[in-house]
């Protein structure tokens, strides 16, 4: 059990820092030397959900195709085929619990770790009730250098970088709030009880895929 917990901590730290690195707004000639800044924990949680649930990502991709005729349907189709051929909805899922505002998992310990090793600087404002808001995550140049010279060369992490780039290509234009609202359109997400794990929607993905593309997923 202790080994499992350590592995979970390790994966959480890697996943979140890769998200922040990939999706941050790059800063040019920043006087503080920061590589980039990422704003809003809500968007971190929403992007993390898409990363951890390849089945929901597949549904979201099909929805984009339906509503944006400029997207290449064949590319989206083949992307989803690869997701299922590689059995990602079974081996890549890391479940999240549903809280008051959807899928959520505290990242405070993860952020604190990255701050402690010099990867991030984190600031926020505090409301009258004591809760933090308007959170900003500054990615240091030291962090970016470590990622680009070390993490990106590790084969086991290649999937995370590629998947974040895929999500960025199709979903970066949405705010965290909008991404959360999109997730609530699925009954398997919106109708489950508080603190329950969000379940997969593989059957819905396969049915929808067959109807849209006249092709069956394995």
Protein backbone atom coordinates (compact mmCIF):
# COMPACT_ATOMS: atom_id res chain seq x y z
CA UNK A 1 0.00 0.00 0.00
CA UNK A 2 2.83 2.42 0.85
CA UNK A 3 4.43 1.75 -2.55
CA UNK A 4 1.10 2.41 -4.28
CA UNK A 5 0.72 5.72 -2.43
CA UNK A 6 4.23 6.78 -3.39
CA UNK A 7 3.61 5.91 -7.03
CA UNK A 8 0.36 7.87 -6.94
CA UNK A 9 2.15 10.92 -5.53
CA UNK A 10 4.82 10.60 -8.21
CA UNK A 11 2.25 10.38 -11.02
CA UNK A 12 0.25 13.30 -9.64
CA UNK A 13 3.34 15.50 -9.48
CA UNK A 14 4.39 14.59 -13.01
CA UNK A 15 0.92 14.99 -14.50
CA UNK A 16 0.26 18.41 -12.97
CA UNK A 17 3.65 19.89 -13.84
CA UNK A 18 3.32 18.67 -17.43
CA UNK A 19 -0.12 20.29 -17.64
CA UNK A 20 1.21 23.59 -16.28
CA UNK A 21 4.22 23.52 -18.60
CA UNK A 22 2.18 22.67 -21.70
CA UNK A 23 -0.74 25.03 -21.17
CA UNK A 24 0.94 28.03 -19.55
CA UNK A 25 1.09 31.39 -21.29
CA UNK A 26 4.71 31.81 -22.35
CA UNK A 27 6.38 34.95 -21.02
CA UNK A 28 8.90 36.79 -23.19
CA UNK A 29 11.76 38.60 -21.46
CA UNK A 30 10.05 38.33 -18.10
CA UNK A 31 11.90 40.51 -15.55
CA UNK A 32 11.56 37.76 -12.94
CA UNK A 33 12.87 35.12 -15.30
CA UNK A 34 9.71 33.04 -15.40
CA UNK A 35 9.09 30.73 -18.33
CA UNK A 36 5.31 31.07 -18.23
CA UNK A 37 2.21 31.59 -16.14
CA UNK A 38 -0.91 29.47 -15.78
CA UNK A 39 -4.04 31.08 -14.37
CA UNK A 40 -6.95 29.34 -12.63
CA UNK A 41 -7.03 26.11 -10.66
CA UNK A 42 -10.42 25.38 -12.21
CA UNK A 43 -8.78 24.90 -15.58
CA UNK A 44 -6.09 22.65 -14.10
CA UNK A 45 -8.82 20.40 -12.70
CA UNK A 46 -10.75 20.38 -16.00
CA UNK A 47 -7.66 19.58 -18.09
CA UNK A 48 -6.57 16.92 -15.62
CA UNK A 49 -9.98 15.29 -16.01
CA UNK A 50 -9.59 15.09 -19.80
CA UNK A 51 -6.13 13.63 -19.33
CA UNK A 52 -7.34 11.01 -16.86
CA UNK A 53 -10.50 9.95 -18.72
CA UNK A 54 -9.73 9.09 -22.37
CA UNK A 55 -13.37 8.06 -22.90
CA UNK A 56 -14.71 11.50 -21.97
CA UNK A 57 -12.00 13.06 -24.12
CA UNK A 58 -13.21 10.96 -27.05
CA UNK A 59 -16.80 12.14 -26.57
CA UNK A 60 -15.67 15.74 -26.34
CA UNK A 61 -13.69 15.40 -29.56
CA UNK A 62 -16.76 14.07 -31.37
CA UNK A 63 -18.82 16.94 -30.01
CA UNK A 64 -16.29 19.43 -31.37
CA UNK A 65 -16.48 17.81 -34.80
CA UNK A 66 -20.27 18.18 -34.75
CA UNK A 67 -20.08 21.87 -33.92
CA UNK A 68 -16.98 23.01 -35.82
CA UNK A 69 -16.98 22.10 -39.49
CA UNK A 70 -13.42 23.40 -39.91
CA UNK A 71 -12.05 20.43 -37.95
CA UNK A 72 -10.64 17.50 -39.88
CA UNK A 73 -13.05 14.66 -39.13
CA UNK A 74 -10.62 11.97 -40.29
CA UNK A 75 -7.95 13.14 -37.87
CA UNK A 76 -10.42 13.12 -34.97
CA UNK A 77 -11.76 9.74 -36.04
CA UNK A 78 -8.28 8.20 -36.18
CA UNK A 79 -7.33 9.79 -32.87
CA UNK A 80 -10.26 8.09 -31.15
CA UNK A 81 -9.54 4.79 -32.91
CA UNK A 82 -5.98 4.91 -31.58
CA UNK A 83 -7.20 5.70 -28.08
CA UNK A 84 -9.33 2.57 -28.05
CA UNK A 85 -6.91 0.34 -29.93
CA UNK A 86 -4.32 1.20 -27.27
CA UNK A 87 -6.92 0.36 -24.60
CA UNK A 88 -6.41 3.71 -22.92
CA UNK A 89 -9.91 3.80 -21.36
CA UNK A 90 -8.83 0.75 -19.36
CA UNK A 91 -5.14 1.29 -18.63
CA UNK A 92 -4.84 5.09 -18.56
CA UNK A 93 -7.83 6.01 -16.41
CA UNK A 94 -7.07 7.53 -13.01
CA UNK A 95 -10.43 8.03 -11.35
CA UNK A 96 -11.55 11.33 -9.87
CA UNK A 97 -14.26 11.97 -7.32
CA UNK A 98 -17.19 14.29 -7.89
CA UNK A 99 -17.43 17.20 -5.49
CA UNK A 100 -19.80 20.18 -5.40
CA UNK A 101 -18.49 21.60 -8.65
CA UNK A 102 -17.66 18.44 -10.55
CA UNK A 103 -14.54 16.30 -10.81
CA UNK A 104 -12.02 17.48 -8.27
CA UNK A 105 -8.88 16.38 -6.50
CA UNK A 106 -6.87 18.59 -4.17
CA UNK A 107 -3.58 19.61 -5.75
CA UNK A 108 -2.33 21.67 -2.79
CA UNK A 109 0.31 19.11 -1.81
CA UNK A 110 1.44 18.74 -5.43
CA UNK A 111 1.80 22.50 -5.88
CA UNK A 112 3.62 22.80 -2.53
CA UNK A 113 6.10 20.16 -3.66
CA UNK A 114 6.83 21.92 -6.94
CA UNK A 115 7.25 25.23 -5.13
CA UNK A 116 9.69 23.57 -2.70
CA UNK A 117 11.93 22.27 -5.51
CA UNK A 118 11.94 25.56 -7.40
CA UNK A 119 9.63 24.54 -10.25
CA UNK A 120 6.82 26.96 -9.42
CA UNK A 121 5.93 30.16 -7.70
CA UNK A 122 2.32 30.30 -6.62
CA UNK A 123 0.26 33.28 -5.58
CA UNK A 124 -3.42 34.01 -5.01
CA UNK A 125 -5.85 36.43 -3.43
CA UNK A 126 -7.85 35.69 -0.30
CA UNK A 127 -11.58 36.26 0.14
CA UNK A 128 -13.21 37.52 3.31
CA UNK A 129 -14.14 33.92 4.19
CA UNK A 130 -10.47 32.96 4.09
CA UNK A 131 -10.62 30.98 0.85
CA UNK A 132 -8.09 31.60 -1.90
CA UNK A 133 -9.06 32.69 -5.40
CA UNK A 134 -7.49 34.15 -8.55
CA UNK A 135 -4.67 31.62 -8.34
CA UNK A 136 -1.61 32.08 -10.54
CA UNK A 137 1.08 29.48 -11.15
CA UNK A 138 4.42 30.80 -12.43
CA UNK A 139 6.58 28.16 -14.11
CA UNK A 140 10.26 28.87 -13.53
CA UNK A 141 12.89 28.69 -16.24
CA UNK A 142 14.61 26.10 -14.07
CA UNK A 143 11.49 23.92 -14.31
CA UNK A 144 11.22 24.37 -18.08
CA UNK A 145 14.89 23.43 -18.52
CA UNK A 146 14.47 20.27 -16.44
CA UNK A 147 11.41 19.27 -18.43
CA UNK A 148 13.01 19.93 -21.81
CA UNK A 149 16.37 18.31 -21.04
CA UNK A 150 15.23 15.41 -18.88
CA UNK A 151 11.50 14.61 -18.62
CA UNK A 152 10.82 14.83 -22.35
CA UNK A 153 13.51 12.22 -23.02
CA UNK A 154 11.89 9.61 -20.76
CA UNK A 155 9.90 7.17 -22.96
CA UNK A 156 7.39 6.39 -20.21
CA UNK A 157 6.36 10.06 -20.10
CA UNK A 158 5.98 10.54 -23.85
CA UNK A 159 2.26 9.69 -23.69
CA UNK A 160 1.61 12.49 -21.18
CA UNK A 161 3.33 15.12 -23.29
CA UNK A 162 1.61 13.96 -26.49
CA UNK A 163 -1.79 13.81 -24.84
CA UNK A 164 -1.43 17.28 -23.34
CA UNK A 165 -0.52 18.65 -26.77
CA UNK A 166 -3.61 16.96 -28.23
CA UNK A 167 -5.86 18.44 -25.55
CA UNK A 168 -4.22 21.83 -26.03
CA UNK A 169 -4.87 21.72 -29.78
CA UNK A 170 -8.61 21.18 -29.37
CA UNK A 171 -9.56 22.59 -25.97
CA UNK A 172 -7.16 25.33 -24.93
CA UNK A 173 -9.53 28.02 -26.19
CA UNK A 174 -12.05 27.12 -23.47
CA UNK A 175 -11.90 28.56 -19.97
CA UNK A 176 -11.84 26.21 -17.02
CA UNK A 177 -15.45 27.11 -16.23
CA UNK A 178 -16.63 26.26 -19.73
CA UNK A 179 -14.73 22.97 -19.70
CA UNK A 180 -16.43 22.09 -16.41
CA UNK A 181 -19.84 23.00 -17.85
CA UNK A 182 -19.21 20.77 -20.84
CA UNK A 183 -18.49 17.83 -18.55
CA UNK A 184 -21.86 18.25 -16.83
CA UNK A 185 -23.67 17.42 -20.07
CA UNK A 186 -23.09 13.72 -19.42
CA UNK A 187 -25.46 11.98 -17.03
CA UNK A 188 -22.69 9.60 -15.97
CA UNK A 189 -20.92 12.69 -14.64
CA UNK A 190 -23.71 14.98 -13.50
CA UNK A 191 -26.03 12.44 -11.88
CA UNK A 192 -23.63 10.63 -9.58
CA UNK A 193 -23.60 11.40 -5.89
CA UNK A 194 -21.13 13.53 -3.98
CA UNK A 195 -17.73 11.88 -3.39
CA UNK A 196 -18.49 9.06 -5.83
CA UNK A 197 -15.93 8.14 -8.47
CA UNK A 198 -16.88 9.23 -11.97
CA UNK A 199 -17.48 6.15 -14.08
CA UNK A 200 -16.52 5.52 -17.68
CA UNK A 201 -18.77 6.18 -20.67
CA UNK A 202 -17.21 3.64 -23.02
CA UNK A 203 -20.55 2.23 -24.20
CA UNK A 204 -21.79 5.71 -25.08
CA UNK A 205 -18.54 6.52 -26.89
CA UNK A 206 -18.71 3.37 -28.99
CA UNK A 207 -22.37 3.87 -29.89
CA UNK A 208 -21.84 7.51 -30.80
CA UNK A 209 -18.71 6.74 -32.78
CA UNK A 210 -20.52 4.08 -34.84
CA UNK A 211 -23.35 6.47 -35.66
CA UNK A 212 -21.05 9.35 -36.62
CA UNK A 213 -18.37 7.50 -38.55
CA UNK A 214 -20.06 4.24 -39.57
CA UNK A 215 -17.14 2.41 -37.99
CA UNK A 216 -16.99 0.25 -34.88
CA UNK A 217 -14.46 0.76 -32.12
CA UNK A 218 -12.75 -2.33 -30.82
